[in-house]
Amino acid sequence: MNRWGIILPLPGVPLLEHQSLVRRLPDLGYTDVWTAETAGTDAFTPLVLASQWSDGLRLGTAIVPVFTRGPGLLAMTAATVADSAPGRFVLGVGASSPTIVEKWNAIEHREPFGRTRDTLRFLRTAFTGKAVTEDYPTFSVQGFKLDRPPAVPPPVLLAALRPGMLRLAAAEAGGAITNWVAPGDVPKIRAVIGTEPELVAPIFVCPTEDAAEARSVGRMLIGTYLNVPAYRKFQDWLGRSEALAAMHRSREAGEHWWRAGQAIPDAVIDELIVHGSPEECRARLASYHAAGLNTPLITLLPVAGGDPVKHVEALAPGRA
């Protein structure tokens, strides 16, 4: 099934002011509401609210870091959301980045692949309600048992960028959540995980016909995100090492991300940032479906003078 998701909360909109929009999302054609977790809202609270505002939406996290909560706390929090929306919650977890884990949360970002694998295996057992006593390679749990195991255990999807994590997602999880991809990148990812697992990706959407404005926003994001080592290696694997080489050289020389962003070719921004009229944006989002992405998650980017709620309405598949 091809789904159509939106990342909430919207930029500049207070959390409680989303209620009216969330209630209307199914009628607009949206199937999913997902959240992210960096330095704004946590990933779970908006979903608990959304679960009470609409019973027709699937809810998911993209993503929750496996380092910033202990295994037991992560299981309890996920089980609570699953209890609020039985059968409608998807837990997306991932390794996150050293900036979020170490610099912002004072936790060592060590063995990210192993920690993600072990957390997945722990959660799979914990959600059944069985007691967990296990020495995993990256952590140990002694005698943990959920007092309120979810009646419907949520599927767990893994944030995955390159073959190792993609294969883990295909073998042991319900699917993969990738990021910073163009439609043309999806077949390469599918070649690793196969056709069956669900593939989800946030898609950055700047709904404006002012290409210069959209590219300015895109340069800021790409200059920030794609210098993170994990994302840099992912883009290299996808084949953009040459196109992004000048940006990386600028950053390695100590230049500000804004100046480094000037070295990003327009063609790369146009690949990775969806922009244009609402009709053009919807067509581009639909091309992700055609390429093999099950669930694009619209990540709305700010537009000067724009109303984000109206943008969500204009981008709705029901408008096509």
Protein backbone atom coordinates (compact mmCIF):
# COMPACT_ATOMS: atom_id res chain seq x y z
CA MET A 1 0.00 0.00 0.00
CA ASN A 2 1.25 3.45 -0.88
CA ARG A 3 0.76 5.83 2.02
CA TRP A 4 0.95 9.63 2.34
CA GLY A 5 2.37 10.97 5.58
CA ILE A 6 3.10 14.29 7.22
CA ILE A 7 5.72 15.13 9.85
CA LEU A 8 4.23 17.09 12.77
CA PRO A 9 4.37 19.49 14.51
CA LEU A 10 4.46 22.05 11.73
CA PRO A 11 7.05 24.85 11.90
CA GLY A 12 5.76 27.84 13.81
CA VAL A 13 2.48 26.19 14.89
CA PRO A 14 1.97 25.54 18.64
CA LEU A 15 1.40 21.87 19.41
CA LEU A 16 -2.18 22.18 20.69
CA GLU A 17 -3.19 24.21 17.66
CA HIS A 18 -2.75 21.11 15.47
CA GLN A 19 -5.98 19.53 16.70
CA SER A 20 -8.26 20.86 13.96
CA LEU A 21 -5.79 19.94 11.22
CA VAL A 22 -5.17 16.42 12.53
CA ARG A 23 -8.91 15.75 12.60
CA ARG A 24 -9.16 16.72 8.92
CA LEU A 25 -6.10 14.87 7.64
CA PRO A 26 -7.86 11.60 6.71
CA ASP A 27 -10.45 13.50 4.68
CA LEU A 28 -7.61 15.27 2.87
CA GLY A 29 -6.13 11.91 1.91
CA TYR A 30 -3.33 11.63 4.43
CA THR A 31 -2.81 8.20 5.97
CA ASP A 32 -0.02 8.87 8.47
CA VAL A 33 1.27 11.34 11.06
CA TRP A 34 4.90 10.91 12.07
CA THR A 35 7.22 12.81 14.36
CA ALA A 36 10.93 13.49 14.53
CA GLU A 37 13.12 14.07 17.56
CA THR A 38 16.06 16.46 17.47
CA ALA A 39 15.81 19.59 19.63
CA GLY A 40 12.12 20.50 19.38
CA THR A 41 9.26 18.37 20.67
CA ASP A 42 9.95 14.84 21.78
CA ALA A 43 8.76 12.16 19.38
CA PHE A 44 6.04 10.62 21.54
CA THR A 45 3.93 13.41 23.03
CA PRO A 46 2.56 14.74 19.70
CA LEU A 47 1.52 11.20 18.74
CA VAL A 48 -0.40 10.64 21.97
CA LEU A 49 -2.30 13.85 21.26
CA ALA A 50 -2.88 12.89 17.63
CA SER A 51 -4.17 9.48 18.72
CA GLN A 52 -6.99 11.23 20.56
CA TRP A 53 -7.72 13.75 17.82
CA SER A 54 -8.19 11.17 15.04
CA ASP A 55 -8.74 7.43 14.98
CA GLY A 56 -8.08 7.16 11.24
CA LEU A 57 -4.35 7.81 11.10
CA ARG A 58 -1.32 5.61 11.50
CA LEU A 59 1.23 7.15 13.86
CA GLY A 60 4.99 6.76 13.76
CA THR A 61 8.34 8.03 15.01
CA ALA A 62 11.09 8.90 12.54
CA ILE A 63 13.14 8.54 14.55
CA VAL A 64 13.79 7.93 18.25
CA PRO A 65 17.49 7.55 19.12
CA VAL A 66 18.37 4.25 20.76
CA PHE A 67 20.94 5.97 22.99
CA THR A 68 18.97 8.76 24.66
CA ARG A 69 16.57 6.49 26.55
CA GLY A 70 17.49 3.33 28.36
CA PRO A 71 16.07 0.14 26.85
CA GLY A 72 13.39 -0.23 29.52
CA LEU A 73 12.27 3.39 29.31
CA LEU A 74 12.10 3.19 25.52
CA ALA A 75 9.95 0.07 25.76
CA MET A 76 7.63 1.69 28.33
CA THR A 77 7.17 4.87 26.33
CA ALA A 78 6.52 3.01 23.09
CA ALA A 79 4.06 0.68 24.83
CA THR A 80 2.19 3.69 26.20
CA VAL A 81 1.73 5.19 22.74
CA ALA A 82 0.73 1.78 21.38
CA ASP A 83 -1.88 1.55 24.15
CA SER A 84 -3.22 4.96 23.08
CA ALA A 85 -3.54 3.90 19.43
CA PRO A 86 -3.89 0.09 19.28
CA GLY A 87 -2.73 -1.26 15.95
CA ARG A 88 -1.91 2.21 14.62
CA PHE A 89 1.56 2.90 16.02
CA VAL A 90 4.92 2.26 14.36
CA LEU A 91 8.11 2.71 16.37
CA GLY A 92 10.99 4.02 14.28
CA VAL A 93 14.37 3.87 16.02
CA GLY A 94 17.89 4.65 14.94
CA ALA A 95 21.43 5.41 15.96
CA SER A 96 21.02 9.19 15.57
CA SER A 97 24.25 11.24 15.51
CA PRO A 98 27.13 12.15 17.83
CA THR A 99 25.84 15.73 17.98
CA ILE A 100 22.45 14.72 19.38
CA VAL A 101 23.68 11.86 21.54
CA GLU A 102 27.00 13.16 22.85
CA LYS A 103 26.95 16.95 22.58
CA TRP A 104 23.31 17.46 23.54
CA ASN A 105 22.63 14.49 25.82
CA ALA A 106 26.04 13.70 27.34
CA ILE A 107 25.89 10.01 26.33
CA GLU A 108 28.65 8.17 24.49
CA HIS A 109 27.72 7.40 20.88
CA ARG A 110 29.50 4.06 20.81
CA GLU A 111 28.92 1.09 18.48
CA PRO A 112 25.84 2.58 16.79
CA PHE A 113 25.16 -0.48 14.63
CA GLY A 114 25.41 -2.86 17.56
CA ARG A 115 23.34 -0.68 19.88
CA THR A 116 20.59 -0.42 17.27
CA ARG A 117 20.61 -4.19 16.63
CA ASP A 118 20.52 -5.01 20.34
CA THR A 119 17.75 -2.51 21.06
CA LEU A 120 15.65 -4.01 18.29
CA ARG A 121 16.10 -7.51 19.74
CA PHE A 122 15.33 -6.31 23.27
CA LEU A 123 12.15 -4.51 22.18
CA ARG A 124 10.91 -7.51 20.26
CA THR A 125 10.98 -9.58 23.46
CA ALA A 126 9.86 -6.81 25.83
CA PHE A 127 6.71 -6.05 23.82
CA THR A 128 5.51 -9.64 24.36
CA GLY A 129 5.33 -9.00 28.11
CA LYS A 130 8.00 -11.58 28.90
CA ALA A 131 10.71 -10.80 31.45
CA VAL A 132 14.01 -9.89 29.83
CA THR A 133 17.31 -10.89 31.36
CA GLU A 134 19.97 -10.72 28.72
CA ASP A 135 23.58 -9.71 28.22
CA TYR A 136 23.48 -8.10 24.80
CA PRO A 137 26.82 -7.19 23.22
CA THR A 138 26.28 -3.44 23.86
CA PHE A 139 24.21 -3.43 27.07
CA SER A 140 22.72 -5.73 29.70
CA VAL A 141 19.15 -5.93 31.01
CA GLN A 142 18.33 -7.81 34.19
CA GLY A 143 14.74 -8.75 34.99
CA PHE A 144 12.86 -6.08 33.02
CA LYS A 145 9.17 -6.83 32.41
CA LEU A 146 6.53 -4.46 31.06
CA ASP A 147 3.62 -4.13 33.47
CA ARG A 148 1.42 -3.00 30.57
CA PRO A 149 2.61 -4.78 27.42
CA PRO A 150 0.84 -3.47 24.32
CA ALA A 151 -2.17 -5.49 23.20
CA VAL A 152 -0.90 -4.99 19.65
CA PRO A 153 2.91 -4.87 19.68
CA PRO A 154 4.05 -2.04 17.42
CA PRO A 155 6.19 -2.89 14.42
CA VAL A 156 9.70 -1.51 14.75
CA LEU A 157 11.36 0.15 11.76
CA LEU A 158 15.07 0.94 11.67
CA ALA A 159 16.69 4.14 10.44
CA ALA A 160 19.04 2.87 7.75
CA LEU A 161 21.28 4.63 5.27
CA ARG A 162 23.77 2.11 3.95
CA PRO A 163 23.84 -1.63 3.19
CA GLY A 164 24.71 -2.92 6.68
CA MET A 165 21.82 -1.25 8.45
CA LEU A 166 19.51 -1.76 5.48
CA ARG A 167 20.16 -5.51 5.62
CA LEU A 168 19.51 -5.51 9.37
CA ALA A 169 16.23 -3.70 8.79
CA ALA A 170 15.21 -6.26 6.16
CA ALA A 171 16.20 -9.25 8.28
CA GLU A 172 15.02 -8.29 11.77
CA ALA A 173 12.71 -5.27 11.61
CA GLY A 174 9.46 -4.33 9.94
CA GLY A 175 11.25 -2.18 7.42
CA ALA A 176 13.56 0.79 7.02
CA ILE A 177 13.41 4.55 7.41
CA THR A 178 15.89 6.29 5.18
CA ASN A 179 16.54 10.00 4.63
CA TRP A 180 17.83 12.54 2.11
CA VAL A 181 16.91 10.59 -0.99
CA ALA A 182 15.69 11.50 -4.45
CA PRO A 183 13.27 9.25 -6.36
CA GLY A 184 16.18 7.95 -8.42
CA ASP A 185 17.92 6.72 -5.26
CA VAL A 186 15.09 4.47 -4.14
CA PRO A 187 15.81 1.52 -6.49
CA LYS A 188 19.36 1.23 -5.11
CA ILE A 189 17.97 0.99 -1.58
CA ARG A 190 15.32 -1.50 -2.68
CA ALA A 191 18.04 -3.65 -4.23
CA VAL A 192 19.45 -4.14 -0.72
CA ILE A 193 16.30 -4.56 1.37
CA GLY A 194 14.13 -6.28 -1.23
CA THR A 195 10.61 -5.47 -2.32
CA GLU A 196 8.65 -6.62 0.75
CA PRO A 197 9.81 -4.56 3.77
CA GLU A 198 8.18 -1.18 4.21
CA LEU A 199 10.37 1.72 3.14
CA VAL A 200 9.70 5.12 4.71
CA ALA A 201 11.49 8.43 4.16
CA PRO A 202 11.03 12.03 5.24
CA ILE A 203 10.87 14.18 2.10
CA PHE A 204 11.71 17.85 2.46
CA VAL A 205 9.06 19.95 0.73
CA CYS A 206 9.30 23.71 0.14
CA PRO A 207 5.97 24.64 -1.49
CA THR A 208 6.94 27.75 -3.41
CA GLU A 209 7.32 28.62 -7.07
CA ASP A 210 10.22 30.89 -6.14
CA ALA A 211 13.06 28.52 -6.98
CA ALA A 212 15.66 30.87 -5.52
CA GLU A 213 13.90 30.84 -2.14
CA ALA A 214 13.57 27.06 -2.17
CA ARG A 215 17.22 26.61 -3.10
CA SER A 216 18.31 29.01 -0.37
CA VAL A 217 16.49 26.92 2.22
CA GLY A 218 17.86 23.76 0.62
CA ARG A 219 21.44 25.02 0.78
CA MET A 220 21.07 25.68 4.49
CA LEU A 221 19.77 22.18 5.19
CA ILE A 222 22.15 20.31 2.90
CA GLY A 223 25.13 22.35 4.14
CA THR A 224 24.20 21.37 7.68
CA TYR A 225 23.02 17.76 7.39
CA LEU A 226 25.14 16.26 4.65
CA ASN A 227 28.39 17.15 6.36
CA VAL A 228 27.44 14.79 9.19
CA PRO A 229 29.71 11.76 8.56
CA ALA A 230 26.90 9.20 8.32
CA TYR A 231 24.98 11.29 5.79
CA ARG A 232 28.14 12.10 3.85
CA LYS A 233 28.96 8.42 3.49
CA PHE A 234 25.37 7.71 2.48
CA GLN A 235 25.46 10.35 -0.27
CA ASP A 236 28.80 8.95 -1.43
CA TRP A 237 27.19 5.51 -1.67
CA LEU A 238 24.31 6.99 -3.65
CA GLY A 239 26.78 8.54 -6.10
CA ARG A 240 26.90 12.21 -5.09
CA SER A 241 30.50 12.36 -3.84
CA GLU A 242 31.71 14.42 -6.81
CA ALA A 243 28.71 16.76 -6.79
CA LEU A 244 29.17 17.51 -3.08
CA ALA A 245 32.99 17.54 -3.06
CA ALA A 246 33.32 21.34 -3.20
CA MET A 247 30.94 21.73 -0.24
CA HIS A 248 32.93 19.22 1.79
CA ARG A 249 36.24 20.90 0.94
CA SER A 250 34.81 24.22 2.11
CA ARG A 251 33.70 22.77 5.44
CA GLU A 252 36.99 20.94 5.92
CA ALA A 253 38.75 24.27 5.40
CA GLY A 254 36.79 25.64 8.34
CA GLU A 255 34.38 27.79 6.38
CA HIS A 256 30.89 28.48 7.73
CA TRP A 257 28.13 26.15 6.55
CA TRP A 258 26.49 29.07 4.73
CA ARG A 259 29.57 29.63 2.56
CA ALA A 260 29.98 25.90 2.06
CA GLY A 261 26.36 25.76 0.94
CA GLN A 262 27.13 28.09 -1.95
CA ALA A 263 29.17 25.28 -3.49
CA ILE A 264 26.18 22.94 -3.68
CA PRO A 265 24.97 22.62 -7.29
CA ASP A 266 21.38 23.62 -7.96
CA ALA A 267 20.84 20.17 -9.49
CA VAL A 268 21.57 18.46 -6.17
CA ILE A 269 19.18 20.76 -4.32
CA ASP A 270 16.49 20.11 -6.92
CA GLU A 271 17.00 16.36 -6.47
CA LEU A 272 16.76 16.37 -2.69
CA ILE A 273 14.28 19.20 -2.01
CA VAL A 274 10.78 19.05 -3.49
CA HIS A 275 9.68 22.53 -4.52
CA GLY A 276 7.34 24.25 -6.93
CA SER A 277 3.59 24.72 -7.13
CA PRO A 278 1.37 22.40 -5.06
CA GLU A 279 0.61 20.43 -8.22
CA GLU A 280 4.30 20.06 -9.04
CA CYS A 281 5.10 19.03 -5.47
CA ARG A 282 2.35 16.40 -5.43
CA ALA A 283 3.59 14.98 -8.73
CA ARG A 284 7.14 14.79 -7.42
CA LEU A 285 5.97 13.08 -4.22
CA ALA A 286 4.01 10.58 -6.31
CA SER A 287 7.22 9.79 -8.20
CA TYR A 288 8.68 8.45 -4.94
CA HIS A 289 5.82 5.95 -4.83
CA ALA A 290 6.53 4.95 -8.40
CA ALA A 291 10.20 4.40 -7.53
CA GLY A 292 9.36 2.02 -4.66
CA LEU A 293 9.01 4.19 -1.56
CA ASN A 294 5.92 3.09 0.38
CA THR A 295 5.57 6.05 2.71
CA PRO A 296 6.90 9.51 1.91
CA LEU A 297 6.65 11.77 4.93
CA ILE A 298 6.21 15.39 3.98
CA THR A 299 8.63 17.45 6.04
CA LEU A 300 7.36 20.96 5.45
CA LEU A 301 9.99 23.66 5.09
CA PRO A 302 9.20 27.28 5.92
CA VAL A 303 8.18 29.59 3.11
CA ALA A 304 8.32 33.37 3.57
CA GLY A 305 4.84 34.62 4.40
CA GLY A 306 3.34 31.15 4.03
CA ASP A 307 0.72 29.48 6.21
CA PRO A 308 1.93 25.93 6.96
CA VAL A 309 -1.61 24.64 7.55
CA LYS A 310 -2.68 25.86 4.11
CA HIS A 311 0.40 24.23 2.62
CA VAL A 312 -0.57 20.90 4.17
CA GLU A 313 -4.02 21.27 2.67
CA ALA A 314 -2.64 22.19 -0.76
CA LEU A 315 -0.20 19.24 -0.78
CA ALA A 316 -2.88 16.70 0.20
CA PRO A 317 -3.26 13.77 -2.20
CA GLY A 318 -7.01 14.36 -2.15
CA ARG A 319 -6.39 17.59 -4.08
CA ALA A 320 -4.87 15.74 -7.03
